[in-house]
Amino acid sequence: MNPDRFFTESRVIIVAGKGGVGKTAVTAALAFSASSVGLRTLVVEIEGKSGLPAAFGLPALEYNELHLVEPGDGHGGVTARTLTPDDALIEYLHDHGMKRISNRLVASGALDVISTAVPGIRDILVLGKIKQLERELTYDLIVVDAPAAGHAITFLRSAAGLADAVKVGPISTQANEVLDLLRDPKRCRVTLVTLPEETPVNELVETAYSIEDEVGVALGPVVINGVLPPAPDEDTDPSALADEAGVALSADCADVLRASAEFRRARVALQNRQLDRLGNDLPLPQLQLPRLFSSQLDRDGIATLSAFLISHIETLPDRSGFNG
């Protein structure tokens, strides 16, 4: 599949997954990849604690936009911002001629009371802002770094809950417009992220079916993060390899290398079993990203993940962008 087509099949990609699976790294790789094929890309961070800007050597995200990748040299550019319910509510009131009311809410400290008065209202405020950004068409693609898997389902389900509970008025209108966004695969899809391990795979499969059954959002290919490369063959002799390279290798070092290779083979075998199980339990295309052996994600790491992502996207069948 052409990467440009992959990234333009939906104008919003919501990235979700269990905490600790590298969801923010995948968000960064998706955004960087989309930018690399010339698309103007916006990253929206929801929980307010993303390490994304640090990877680009920049300060923490705020409500106002921050440029992570400047446009040029084939890049469309990556801009990022955070969205909070309180800021979204203030902006909504400003846009609807109620600036004085919003100022009083901030001054009195009552803003949090208002934004939690109705169950699900905080999530619908954020989703409503994402819907507004999508409608403005300022960006070719919006990548949303969603909450961790459990909260992600609640987050996406909030619009349906409010639409059922509130039948008239601005909240009903907002909820139904958000539902229109979520349920249109040309406008929105969810990309789920996992590690090739038993518990994350279990949670991803459960989340996938919950999102399809309860929300009705299209699912894109699953991203498996942290995939190890193939292990050395069992008959690989470290001493022979050392001799070929002209390096002296002690017997103790050779034994350690053999033990390390055996451990690596066991880990890769376990990983492959989980990848096969995921393919059987959830029939969606898989995009695999390598494990980066570094403690801190940086721009070089994001570029490496992006290159792998693009190469895997190019191997997808022409209609594997989403499950609409």
C-alpha atoms as a PDB file:
ATOM      1  CA  MET A   1       0.000   0.000   0.000  1.00  0.00           C
ATOM      2  CA  ASN A   2       1.170   3.495  -0.781  1.00  0.00           C
ATOM      3  CA  PRO A   3       2.017   5.238   2.549  1.00  0.00           C
ATOM      4  CA  ASP A   4       0.333   8.443   1.385  1.00  0.00           C
ATOM      5  CA  ARG A   5      -2.890   6.518   0.844  1.00  0.00           C
ATOM      6  CA  PHE A   6      -2.542   4.729   4.181  1.00  0.00           C
ATOM      7  CA  PHE A   7      -2.284   8.009   6.074  1.00  0.00           C
ATOM      8  CA  THR A   8      -5.124   9.710   4.216  1.00  0.00           C
ATOM      9  CA  GLU A   9      -7.745   6.945   4.452  1.00  0.00           C
ATOM     10  CA  SER A  10      -8.875   8.583   7.718  1.00  0.00           C
ATOM     11  CA  ARG A  11      -8.267  12.159   8.807  1.00  0.00           C
ATOM     12  CA  VAL A  12      -7.985  11.146  12.486  1.00  0.00           C
ATOM     13  CA  ILE A  13      -5.996   8.205  13.853  1.00  0.00           C
ATOM     14  CA  ILE A  14      -6.576   7.475  17.549  1.00  0.00           C
ATOM     15  CA  VAL A  15      -3.649   5.518  19.034  1.00  0.00           C
ATOM     16  CA  ALA A  16      -4.574   3.359  22.035  1.00  0.00           C
ATOM     17  CA  GLY A  17      -2.995   0.568  24.033  1.00  0.00           C
ATOM     18  CA  LYS A  18      -2.121  -0.767  27.462  1.00  0.00           C
ATOM     19  CA  GLY A  19       0.172   1.449  29.531  1.00  0.00           C
ATOM     20  CA  GLY A  20       3.835   0.660  28.938  1.00  0.00           C
ATOM     21  CA  VAL A  21       3.537  -0.715  25.397  1.00  0.00           C
ATOM     22  CA  GLY A  22       5.114   2.359  23.785  1.00  0.00           C
ATOM     23  CA  LYS A  23       1.925   4.088  22.667  1.00  0.00           C
ATOM     24  CA  THR A  24       3.550   7.533  22.602  1.00  0.00           C
ATOM     25  CA  ALA A  25       6.532   6.206  20.616  1.00  0.00           C
ATOM     26  CA  VAL A  26       4.120   4.747  18.054  1.00  0.00           C
ATOM     27  CA  THR A  27       2.218   8.050  17.955  1.00  0.00           C
ATOM     28  CA  ALA A  28       5.493   9.833  17.225  1.00  0.00           C
ATOM     29  CA  ALA A  29       6.428   7.309  14.528  1.00  0.00           C
ATOM     30  CA  LEU A  30       3.023   7.596  12.838  1.00  0.00           C
ATOM     31  CA  ALA A  31       3.173  11.396  12.865  1.00  0.00           C
ATOM     32  CA  PHE A  32       6.773  11.511  11.622  1.00  0.00           C
ATOM     33  CA  SER A  33       5.961   9.006   8.864  1.00  0.00           C
ATOM     34  CA  ALA A  34       2.925  10.983   7.719  1.00  0.00           C
ATOM     35  CA  SER A  35       5.001  14.142   7.665  1.00  0.00           C
ATOM     36  CA  SER A  36       7.747  12.373   5.684  1.00  0.00           C
ATOM     37  CA  VAL A  37       5.302  11.756   2.823  1.00  0.00           C
ATOM     38  CA  GLY A  38       4.389  15.444   2.758  1.00  0.00           C
ATOM     39  CA  LEU A  39       1.297  15.509   5.005  1.00  0.00           C
ATOM     40  CA  ARG A  40       0.616  18.342   7.442  1.00  0.00           C
ATOM     41  CA  THR A  41       0.292  16.427  10.696  1.00  0.00           C
ATOM     42  CA  LEU A  42      -1.042  17.364  14.130  1.00  0.00           C
ATOM     43  CA  VAL A  43      -0.426  15.305  17.267  1.00  0.00           C
ATOM     44  CA  VAL A  44      -3.024  15.697  20.013  1.00  0.00           C
ATOM     45  CA  GLU A  45      -1.991  14.489  23.462  1.00  0.00           C
ATOM     46  CA  ILE A  46      -4.796  13.780  25.942  1.00  0.00           C
ATOM     47  CA  GLU A  47      -3.409  12.906  29.361  1.00  0.00           C
ATOM     48  CA  GLY A  48      -0.996  15.818  29.810  1.00  0.00           C
ATOM     49  CA  LYS A  49       2.146  13.765  30.498  1.00  0.00           C
ATOM     50  CA  SER A  50       3.507  12.844  27.097  1.00  0.00           C
ATOM     51  CA  GLY A  51       7.240  12.392  26.610  1.00  0.00           C
ATOM     52  CA  LEU A  52       6.812  13.270  22.954  1.00  0.00           C
ATOM     53  CA  PRO A  53       8.301  16.807  22.964  1.00  0.00           C
ATOM     54  CA  ALA A  54      11.312  15.672  25.012  1.00  0.00           C
ATOM     55  CA  ALA A  55      12.166  13.226  22.224  1.00  0.00           C
ATOM     56  CA  PHE A  56      12.515  16.231  19.922  1.00  0.00           C
ATOM     57  CA  GLY A  57      14.460  18.238  22.528  1.00  0.00           C
ATOM     58  CA  LEU A  58      11.532  20.582  23.162  1.00  0.00           C
ATOM     59  CA  PRO A  59       9.585  21.661  26.285  1.00  0.00           C
ATOM     60  CA  ALA A  60       6.341  20.120  27.522  1.00  0.00           C
ATOM     61  CA  LEU A  61       3.222  20.409  25.394  1.00  0.00           C
ATOM     62  CA  GLU A  62       0.644  23.078  26.128  1.00  0.00           C
ATOM     63  CA  TYR A  63      -2.808  23.903  24.776  1.00  0.00           C
ATOM     64  CA  ASN A  64      -1.165  26.133  22.175  1.00  0.00           C
ATOM     65  CA  GLU A  65       0.524  24.374  19.276  1.00  0.00           C
ATOM     66  CA  LEU A  66       4.223  23.487  19.296  1.00  0.00           C
ATOM     67  CA  HIS A  67       6.186  22.641  16.140  1.00  0.00           C
ATOM     68  CA  LEU A  68       8.038  19.328  16.459  1.00  0.00           C
ATOM     69  CA  VAL A  69       9.080  18.978  12.809  1.00  0.00           C
ATOM     70  CA  GLU A  70       9.252  22.017  10.589  1.00  0.00           C
ATOM     71  CA  PRO A  71       7.875  21.658   7.040  1.00  0.00           C
ATOM     72  CA  GLY A  72      10.422  21.380   4.243  1.00  0.00           C
ATOM     73  CA  ASP A  73      12.734  18.835   2.578  1.00  0.00           C
ATOM     74  CA  GLY A  74       9.747  16.689   1.710  1.00  0.00           C
ATOM     75  CA  HIS A  75       8.214  16.899   5.167  1.00  0.00           C
ATOM     76  CA  GLY A  76       4.746  18.343   5.663  1.00  0.00           C
ATOM     77  CA  GLY A  77       5.619  19.163   9.266  1.00  0.00           C
ATOM     78  CA  VAL A  78       4.479  17.902  12.672  1.00  0.00           C
ATOM     79  CA  THR A  79       2.701  20.155  15.154  1.00  0.00           C
ATOM     80  CA  ALA A  80       1.643  19.011  18.630  1.00  0.00           C
ATOM     81  CA  ARG A  81      -0.608  20.227  21.416  1.00  0.00           C
ATOM     82  CA  THR A  82      -2.300  18.900  24.522  1.00  0.00           C
ATOM     83  CA  LEU A  83      -6.053  18.976  25.064  1.00  0.00           C
ATOM     84  CA  THR A  84      -7.637  19.206  28.508  1.00  0.00           C
ATOM     85  CA  PRO A  85     -11.371  19.353  29.308  1.00  0.00           C
ATOM     86  CA  ASP A  86     -10.996  22.650  31.159  1.00  0.00           C
ATOM     87  CA  ASP A  87      -9.202  24.384  28.285  1.00  0.00           C
ATOM     88  CA  ALA A  88     -11.678  22.933  25.787  1.00  0.00           C
ATOM     89  CA  LEU A  89     -14.600  24.236  27.873  1.00  0.00           C
ATOM     90  CA  ILE A  90     -13.095  27.728  28.130  1.00  0.00           C
ATOM     91  CA  GLU A  91     -12.513  27.837  24.381  1.00  0.00           C
ATOM     92  CA  TYR A  92     -16.068  26.604  23.743  1.00  0.00           C
ATOM     93  CA  LEU A  93     -17.497  29.380  25.921  1.00  0.00           C
ATOM     94  CA  HIS A  94     -15.296  31.994  24.228  1.00  0.00           C
ATOM     95  CA  ASP A  95     -16.370  30.814  20.775  1.00  0.00           C
ATOM     96  CA  HIS A  96     -20.034  31.054  21.762  1.00  0.00           C
ATOM     97  CA  GLY A  97     -19.871  34.613  23.097  1.00  0.00           C
ATOM     98  CA  MET A  98     -19.575  33.693  26.785  1.00  0.00           C
ATOM     99  CA  LYS A  99     -16.068  34.959  27.517  1.00  0.00           C
ATOM    100  CA  ARG A 100     -17.172  36.810  30.668  1.00  0.00           C
ATOM    101  CA  ILE A 101     -18.728  33.621  32.055  1.00  0.00           C
ATOM    102  CA  SER A 102     -15.564  31.623  31.377  1.00  0.00           C
ATOM    103  CA  ASN A 103     -13.447  34.279  33.084  1.00  0.00           C
ATOM    104  CA  ARG A 104     -15.668  34.108  36.165  1.00  0.00           C
ATOM    105  CA  LEU A 105     -15.476  30.308  36.226  1.00  0.00           C
ATOM    106  CA  VAL A 106     -11.684  30.474  36.204  1.00  0.00           C
ATOM    107  CA  ALA A 107     -11.560  33.224  38.832  1.00  0.00           C
ATOM    108  CA  SER A 108     -13.990  31.461  41.173  1.00  0.00           C
ATOM    109  CA  GLY A 109     -12.379  28.035  40.876  1.00  0.00           C
ATOM    110  CA  ALA A 110     -15.695  26.533  39.761  1.00  0.00           C
ATOM    111  CA  LEU A 111     -14.400  25.358  36.376  1.00  0.00           C
ATOM    112  CA  ASP A 112     -13.692  21.817  37.560  1.00  0.00           C
ATOM    113  CA  VAL A 113     -17.169  21.542  39.071  1.00  0.00           C
ATOM    114  CA  ILE A 114     -18.764  22.520  35.760  1.00  0.00           C
ATOM    115  CA  SER A 115     -16.633  20.167  33.658  1.00  0.00           C
ATOM    116  CA  THR A 116     -17.530  17.174  35.846  1.00  0.00           C
ATOM    117  CA  ALA A 117     -21.218  17.974  36.366  1.00  0.00           C
ATOM    118  CA  VAL A 118     -22.375  15.402  33.786  1.00  0.00           C
ATOM    119  CA  PRO A 119     -20.806  11.910  33.516  1.00  0.00           C
ATOM    120  CA  GLY A 120     -18.742  11.737  30.359  1.00  0.00           C
ATOM    121  CA  ILE A 121     -18.724  15.497  29.789  1.00  0.00           C
ATOM    122  CA  ARG A 122     -14.946  15.803  30.221  1.00  0.00           C
ATOM    123  CA  ASP A 123     -14.309  13.268  27.462  1.00  0.00           C
ATOM    124  CA  ILE A 124     -16.915  14.793  25.154  1.00  0.00           C
ATOM    125  CA  LEU A 125     -15.305  18.224  25.565  1.00  0.00           C
ATOM    126  CA  VAL A 126     -11.984  16.820  24.332  1.00  0.00           C
ATOM    127  CA  LEU A 127     -13.549  14.755  21.543  1.00  0.00           C
ATOM    128  CA  GLY A 128     -15.605  17.763  20.501  1.00  0.00           C
ATOM    129  CA  LYS A 129     -12.415  19.787  20.100  1.00  0.00           C
ATOM    130  CA  ILE A 130     -10.828  16.989  18.048  1.00  0.00           C
ATOM    131  CA  LYS A 131     -13.957  16.976  15.863  1.00  0.00           C
ATOM    132  CA  GLN A 132     -13.611  20.742  15.398  1.00  0.00           C
ATOM    133  CA  LEU A 133      -9.950  20.411  14.415  1.00  0.00           C
ATOM    134  CA  GLU A 134     -10.826  17.661  11.942  1.00  0.00           C
ATOM    135  CA  ARG A 135     -13.552  19.791  10.357  1.00  0.00           C
ATOM    136  CA  GLU A 136     -11.240  22.783   9.928  1.00  0.00           C
ATOM    137  CA  LEU A 137      -9.023  20.771   7.513  1.00  0.00           C
ATOM    138  CA  THR A 138      -5.950  22.742   8.580  1.00  0.00           C
ATOM    139  CA  TYR A 139      -4.109  19.430   8.853  1.00  0.00           C
ATOM    140  CA  ASP A 140      -4.074  16.443   6.519  1.00  0.00           C
ATOM    141  CA  LEU A 141      -3.881  14.060   9.475  1.00  0.00           C
ATOM    142  CA  ILE A 142      -4.536  14.279  13.212  1.00  0.00           C
ATOM    143  CA  VAL A 143      -2.880  11.612  15.391  1.00  0.00           C
ATOM    144  CA  VAL A 144      -4.390  11.344  18.872  1.00  0.00           C
ATOM    145  CA  ASP A 145      -2.300   9.887  21.696  1.00  0.00           C
ATOM    146  CA  ALA A 146      -5.288   8.486  23.588  1.00  0.00           C
ATOM    147  CA  PRO A 147      -5.476   7.365  27.229  1.00  0.00           C
ATOM    148  CA  ALA A 148      -4.365   3.852  28.199  1.00  0.00           C
ATOM    149  CA  ALA A 149      -6.597   1.003  27.002  1.00  0.00           C
ATOM    150  CA  GLY A 150      -9.090   0.842  29.882  1.00  0.00           C
ATOM    151  CA  HIS A 151      -9.745   4.567  29.878  1.00  0.00           C
ATOM    152  CA  ALA A 152      -9.619   4.632  26.073  1.00  0.00           C
ATOM    153  CA  ILE A 153     -12.802   2.556  25.868  1.00  0.00           C
ATOM    154  CA  THR A 154     -14.574   4.852  28.333  1.00  0.00           C
ATOM    155  CA  PHE A 155     -13.204   7.848  26.432  1.00  0.00           C
ATOM    156  CA  LEU A 156     -14.555   6.637  23.101  1.00  0.00           C
ATOM    157  CA  ARG A 157     -17.827   5.390  24.605  1.00  0.00           C
ATOM    158  CA  SER A 158     -18.650   8.753  26.223  1.00  0.00           C
ATOM    159  CA  ALA A 159     -20.322  10.179  23.108  1.00  0.00           C
ATOM    160  CA  ALA A 160     -22.744   7.255  22.786  1.00  0.00           C
ATOM    161  CA  GLY A 161     -23.580   7.437  26.498  1.00  0.00           C
ATOM    162  CA  LEU A 162     -24.338  11.153  26.375  1.00  0.00           C
ATOM    163  CA  ALA A 163     -26.294  10.828  23.122  1.00  0.00           C
ATOM    164  CA  ASP A 164     -28.513   8.227  24.809  1.00  0.00           C
ATOM    165  CA  ALA A 165     -28.909  10.202  28.036  1.00  0.00           C
ATOM    166  CA  VAL A 166     -29.394  13.712  26.621  1.00  0.00           C
ATOM    167  CA  LYS A 167     -31.814  14.055  23.713  1.00  0.00           C
ATOM    168  CA  VAL A 168     -31.890  17.831  23.147  1.00  0.00           C
ATOM    169  CA  GLY A 169     -29.661  20.875  23.529  1.00  0.00           C
ATOM    170  CA  PRO A 170     -25.988  21.623  22.821  1.00  0.00           C
ATOM    171  CA  ILE A 171     -24.673  18.551  24.695  1.00  0.00           C
ATOM    172  CA  SER A 172     -26.858  16.263  22.583  1.00  0.00           C
ATOM    173  CA  THR A 173     -25.729  18.018  19.404  1.00  0.00           C
ATOM    174  CA  GLN A 174     -22.063  17.741  20.385  1.00  0.00           C
ATOM    175  CA  ALA A 175     -22.387  14.064  21.325  1.00  0.00           C
ATOM    176  CA  ASN A 176     -24.070  13.149  18.060  1.00  0.00           C
ATOM    177  CA  GLU A 177     -21.550  15.084  15.991  1.00  0.00           C
ATOM    178  CA  VAL A 178     -18.722  13.286  17.792  1.00  0.00           C
ATOM    179  CA  LEU A 179     -20.443   9.958  17.092  1.00  0.00           C
ATOM    180  CA  ASP A 180     -20.619  10.896  13.412  1.00  0.00           C
ATOM    181  CA  LEU A 181     -16.857  11.439  13.480  1.00  0.00           C
ATOM    182  CA  LEU A 182     -16.033   8.220  15.338  1.00  0.00           C
ATOM    183  CA  ARG A 183     -18.250   5.988  13.202  1.00  0.00           C
ATOM    184  CA  ASP A 184     -17.103   7.271   9.816  1.00  0.00           C
ATOM    185  CA  PRO A 185     -13.955   5.349   8.739  1.00  0.00           C
ATOM    186  CA  LYS A 186     -13.113   8.066   6.232  1.00  0.00           C
ATOM    187  CA  ARG A 187     -12.820  10.479   9.135  1.00  0.00           C
ATOM    188  CA  CYS A 188     -11.566   8.361  12.044  1.00  0.00           C
ATOM    189  CA  ARG A 189      -9.986   5.015  12.902  1.00  0.00           C
ATOM    190  CA  VAL A 190      -8.281   3.477  15.926  1.00  0.00           C
ATOM    191  CA  THR A 191      -4.776   2.021  15.842  1.00  0.00           C
ATOM    192  CA  LEU A 192      -4.100  -0.358  18.730  1.00  0.00           C
ATOM    193  CA  VAL A 193      -0.576  -0.885  20.070  1.00  0.00           C
ATOM    194  CA  THR A 194       0.821  -3.900  21.903  1.00  0.00           C
ATOM    195  CA  LEU A 195       4.016  -5.693  22.810  1.00  0.00           C
ATOM    196  CA  PRO A 196       4.567  -9.297  21.660  1.00  0.00           C
ATOM    197  CA  GLU A 197       3.828 -10.565  25.181  1.00  0.00           C
ATOM    198  CA  GLU A 198       0.908 -12.512  26.627  1.00  0.00           C
ATOM    199  CA  THR A 199      -0.762  -9.907  28.869  1.00  0.00           C
ATOM    200  CA  PRO A 200      -0.566  -6.956  26.433  1.00  0.00           C
ATOM    201  CA  VAL A 201      -1.846  -9.187  23.606  1.00  0.00           C
ATOM    202  CA  ASN A 202      -4.753 -10.372  25.756  1.00  0.00           C
ATOM    203  CA  GLU A 203      -5.705  -6.811  26.608  1.00  0.00           C
ATOM    204  CA  LEU A 204      -5.385  -5.637  23.018  1.00  0.00           C
ATOM    205  CA  VAL A 205      -7.724  -8.346  21.711  1.00  0.00           C
ATOM    206  CA  GLU A 206     -10.277  -7.530  24.405  1.00  0.00           C
ATOM    207  CA  THR A 207      -9.994  -3.797  23.698  1.00  0.00           C
ATOM    208  CA  ALA A 208     -10.366  -4.332  19.946  1.00  0.00           C
ATOM    209  CA  TYR A 209     -13.650  -6.196  20.259  1.00  0.00           C
ATOM    210  CA  SER A 210     -14.957  -3.720  22.847  1.00  0.00           C
ATOM    211  CA  ILE A 211     -14.220  -0.793  20.544  1.00  0.00           C
ATOM    212  CA  GLU A 212     -15.889  -2.474  17.571  1.00  0.00           C
ATOM    213  CA  ASP A 213     -18.949  -3.709  19.489  1.00  0.00           C
ATOM    214  CA  GLU A 214     -19.544  -0.798  21.864  1.00  0.00           C
ATOM    215  CA  VAL A 215     -18.333   2.210  19.887  1.00  0.00           C
ATOM    216  CA  GLY A 216     -18.333   1.195  16.229  1.00  0.00           C
ATOM    217  CA  VAL A 217     -15.004   2.811  15.350  1.00  0.00           C
ATOM    218  CA  ALA A 218     -13.025   1.337  12.463  1.00  0.00           C
ATOM    219  CA  LEU A 219      -9.841  -0.488  13.451  1.00  0.00           C
ATOM    220  CA  GLY A 220      -6.630   0.040  11.529  1.00  0.00           C
ATOM    221  CA  PRO A 221      -3.700  -2.383  11.446  1.00  0.00           C
ATOM    222  CA  VAL A 222      -2.349  -3.398  14.851  1.00  0.00           C
ATOM    223  CA  VAL A 223       1.103  -2.045  15.712  1.00  0.00           C
ATOM    224  CA  ILE A 224       3.362  -4.478  17.567  1.00  0.00           C
ATOM    225  CA  ASN A 225       6.101  -2.544  19.295  1.00  0.00           C
ATOM    226  CA  GLY A 226       9.411  -3.890  20.598  1.00  0.00           C
ATOM    227  CA  VAL A 227       9.811  -6.837  18.201  1.00  0.00           C
ATOM    228  CA  LEU A 228      13.152  -8.630  18.479  1.00  0.00           C
ATOM    229  CA  PRO A 229      15.026  -9.586  15.290  1.00  0.00           C
ATOM    230  CA  PRO A 230      15.610 -13.279  14.487  1.00  0.00           C
ATOM    231  CA  ALA A 231      17.964 -15.063  16.893  1.00  0.00           C
ATOM    232  CA  PRO A 232      21.224 -16.780  15.870  1.00  0.00           C
ATOM    233  CA  ASP A 233      20.884 -20.364  14.693  1.00  0.00           C
ATOM    234  CA  GLU A 234      21.603 -23.120  17.213  1.00  0.00           C
ATOM    235  CA  ASP A 235      24.663 -24.247  15.256  1.00  0.00           C
ATOM    236  CA  THR A 236      26.217 -20.764  15.299  1.00  0.00           C
ATOM    237  CA  ASP A 237      29.630 -21.080  16.960  1.00  0.00           C
ATOM    238  CA  PRO A 238      30.857 -17.805  18.570  1.00  0.00           C
ATOM    239  CA  SER A 239      34.446 -19.095  18.606  1.00  0.00           C
ATOM    240  CA  ALA A 240      34.384 -19.742  14.866  1.00  0.00           C
ATOM    241  CA  LEU A 241      32.889 -16.313  14.212  1.00  0.00           C
ATOM    242  CA  ALA A 242      35.611 -14.740  16.348  1.00  0.00           C
ATOM    243  CA  ASP A 243      38.316 -16.597  14.440  1.00  0.00           C
ATOM    244  CA  GLU A 244      36.849 -15.386  11.130  1.00  0.00           C
ATOM    245  CA  ALA A 245      36.959 -11.817  12.419  1.00  0.00           C
ATOM    246  CA  GLY A 246      40.520 -12.235  13.665  1.00  0.00           C
ATOM    247  CA  VAL A 247      39.495 -11.778  17.314  1.00  0.00           C
ATOM    248  CA  ALA A 248      40.751 -13.870  20.211  1.00  0.00           C
ATOM    249  CA  LEU A 249      37.849 -15.226  22.299  1.00  0.00           C
ATOM    250  CA  SER A 250      38.350 -16.986  25.602  1.00  0.00           C
ATOM    251  CA  ALA A 251      36.457 -20.173  26.423  1.00  0.00           C
ATOM    252  CA  ASP A 252      34.521 -18.352  29.190  1.00  0.00           C
ATOM    253  CA  CYS A 253      33.417 -15.587  26.798  1.00  0.00           C
ATOM    254  CA  ALA A 254      32.334 -18.161  24.232  1.00  0.00           C
ATOM    255  CA  ASP A 255      30.215 -19.943  26.872  1.00  0.00           C
ATOM    256  CA  VAL A 256      28.557 -16.654  27.870  1.00  0.00           C
ATOM    257  CA  LEU A 257      27.770 -15.876  24.227  1.00  0.00           C
ATOM    258  CA  ARG A 258      26.279 -19.339  23.716  1.00  0.00           C
ATOM    259  CA  ALA A 259      24.077 -18.895  26.790  1.00  0.00           C
ATOM    260  CA  SER A 260      23.032 -15.433  25.606  1.00  0.00           C
ATOM    261  CA  ALA A 261      22.128 -16.799  22.174  1.00  0.00           C
ATOM    262  CA  GLU A 262      20.056 -19.565  23.777  1.00  0.00           C
ATOM    263  CA  PHE A 263      18.201 -17.014  25.910  1.00  0.00           C
ATOM    264  CA  ARG A 264      17.610 -14.875  22.807  1.00  0.00           C
ATOM    265  CA  ARG A 265      16.217 -17.863  20.881  1.00  0.00           C
ATOM    266  CA  ALA A 266      13.803 -18.612  23.739  1.00  0.00           C
ATOM    267  CA  ARG A 267      12.626 -14.987  23.836  1.00  0.00           C
ATOM    268  CA  VAL A 268      12.107 -14.861  20.065  1.00  0.00           C
ATOM    269  CA  ALA A 269      10.199 -18.161  20.137  1.00  0.00           C
ATOM    270  CA  LEU A 270       7.914 -16.796  22.881  1.00  0.00           C
ATOM    271  CA  GLN A 271       7.454 -13.591  20.913  1.00  0.00           C
ATOM    272  CA  ASN A 272       6.566 -15.456  17.724  1.00  0.00           C
ATOM    273  CA  ARG A 273       3.965 -17.559  19.538  1.00  0.00           C
ATOM    274  CA  GLN A 274       2.268 -14.400  20.746  1.00  0.00           C
ATOM    275  CA  LEU A 275       2.366 -12.864  17.268  1.00  0.00           C
ATOM    276  CA  ASP A 276       0.769 -15.993  15.822  1.00  0.00           C
ATOM    277  CA  ARG A 277      -1.872 -16.030  18.552  1.00  0.00           C
ATOM    278  CA  LEU A 278      -2.660 -12.369  17.952  1.00  0.00           C
ATOM    279  CA  GLY A 279      -3.083 -13.072  14.252  1.00  0.00           C
ATOM    280  CA  ASN A 280      -5.483 -15.918  14.988  1.00  0.00           C
ATOM    281  CA  ASP A 281      -7.518 -14.073  17.640  1.00  0.00           C
ATOM    282  CA  LEU A 282      -7.663 -10.726  15.861  1.00  0.00           C
ATOM    283  CA  PRO A 283      -7.635 -10.931  12.042  1.00  0.00           C
ATOM    284  CA  LEU A 284      -6.145  -7.506  11.388  1.00  0.00           C
ATOM    285  CA  PRO A 285      -2.938  -6.631   9.508  1.00  0.00           C
ATOM    286  CA  GLN A 286       0.130  -6.206  11.721  1.00  0.00           C
ATOM    287  CA  LEU A 287       2.764  -3.495  11.555  1.00  0.00           C
ATOM    288  CA  GLN A 288       5.878  -4.503  13.477  1.00  0.00           C
ATOM    289  CA  LEU A 289       8.345  -2.062  15.011  1.00  0.00           C
ATOM    290  CA  PRO A 290      11.764  -3.109  16.347  1.00  0.00           C
ATOM    291  CA  ARG A 291      12.829  -2.948  19.944  1.00  0.00           C
ATOM    292  CA  LEU A 292      15.077   0.058  20.502  1.00  0.00           C
ATOM    293  CA  PHE A 293      17.725  -0.706  23.101  1.00  0.00           C
ATOM    294  CA  SER A 294      17.803   2.785  24.600  1.00  0.00           C
ATOM    295  CA  SER A 295      16.474   4.324  27.790  1.00  0.00           C
ATOM    296  CA  GLN A 296      15.201   7.510  26.150  1.00  0.00           C
ATOM    297  CA  LEU A 297      13.363   7.970  22.874  1.00  0.00           C
ATOM    298  CA  ASP A 298      14.968  10.659  20.717  1.00  0.00           C
ATOM    299  CA  ARG A 299      14.554  11.988  17.198  1.00  0.00           C
ATOM    300  CA  ASP A 300      16.935   9.386  15.729  1.00  0.00           C
ATOM    301  CA  GLY A 301      14.891   6.650  17.400  1.00  0.00           C
ATOM    302  CA  ILE A 302      11.664   8.103  16.025  1.00  0.00           C
ATOM    303  CA  ALA A 303      13.211   8.240  12.541  1.00  0.00           C
ATOM    304  CA  THR A 304      14.261   4.571  12.878  1.00  0.00           C
ATOM    305  CA  LEU A 305      10.743   3.519  13.917  1.00  0.00           C
ATOM    306  CA  SER A 306       9.296   5.611  11.101  1.00  0.00           C
ATOM    307  CA  ALA A 307      11.480   3.887   8.498  1.00  0.00           C
ATOM    308  CA  PHE A 308      10.334   0.450   9.707  1.00  0.00           C
ATOM    309  CA  LEU A 309       6.723   1.616   9.776  1.00  0.00           C
ATOM    310  CA  ILE A 310       6.854   2.896   6.206  1.00  0.00           C
ATOM    311  CA  SER A 311       8.468  -0.326   4.981  1.00  0.00           C
ATOM    312  CA  HIS A 312       5.739  -2.440   6.613  1.00  0.00           C
ATOM    313  CA  ILE A 313       2.948  -0.199   5.305  1.00  0.00           C
ATOM    314  CA  GLU A 314       4.293  -0.707   1.788  1.00  0.00           C
ATOM    315  CA  THR A 315       3.817  -4.478   2.189  1.00  0.00           C
ATOM    316  CA  LEU A 316       0.123  -4.186   3.124  1.00  0.00           C
ATOM    317  CA  PRO A 317      -2.498  -5.228   0.579  1.00  0.00           C
ATOM    318  CA  ASP A 318      -4.092  -2.238  -1.101  1.00  0.00           C
ATOM    319  CA  ARG A 319      -7.256  -2.276   1.038  1.00  0.00           C
ATOM    320  CA  SER A 320      -5.749  -3.066   4.450  1.00  0.00           C
ATOM    321  CA  GLY A 321      -5.723   0.477   5.818  1.00  0.00           C
ATOM    322  CA  PHE A 322      -8.697  -0.057   8.121  1.00  0.00           C
ATOM    323  CA  ASN A 323     -11.457  -2.438   9.011  1.00  0.00           C
ATOM    324  CA  GLY A 324     -14.384  -0.216   8.131  1.00  0.00           C
END
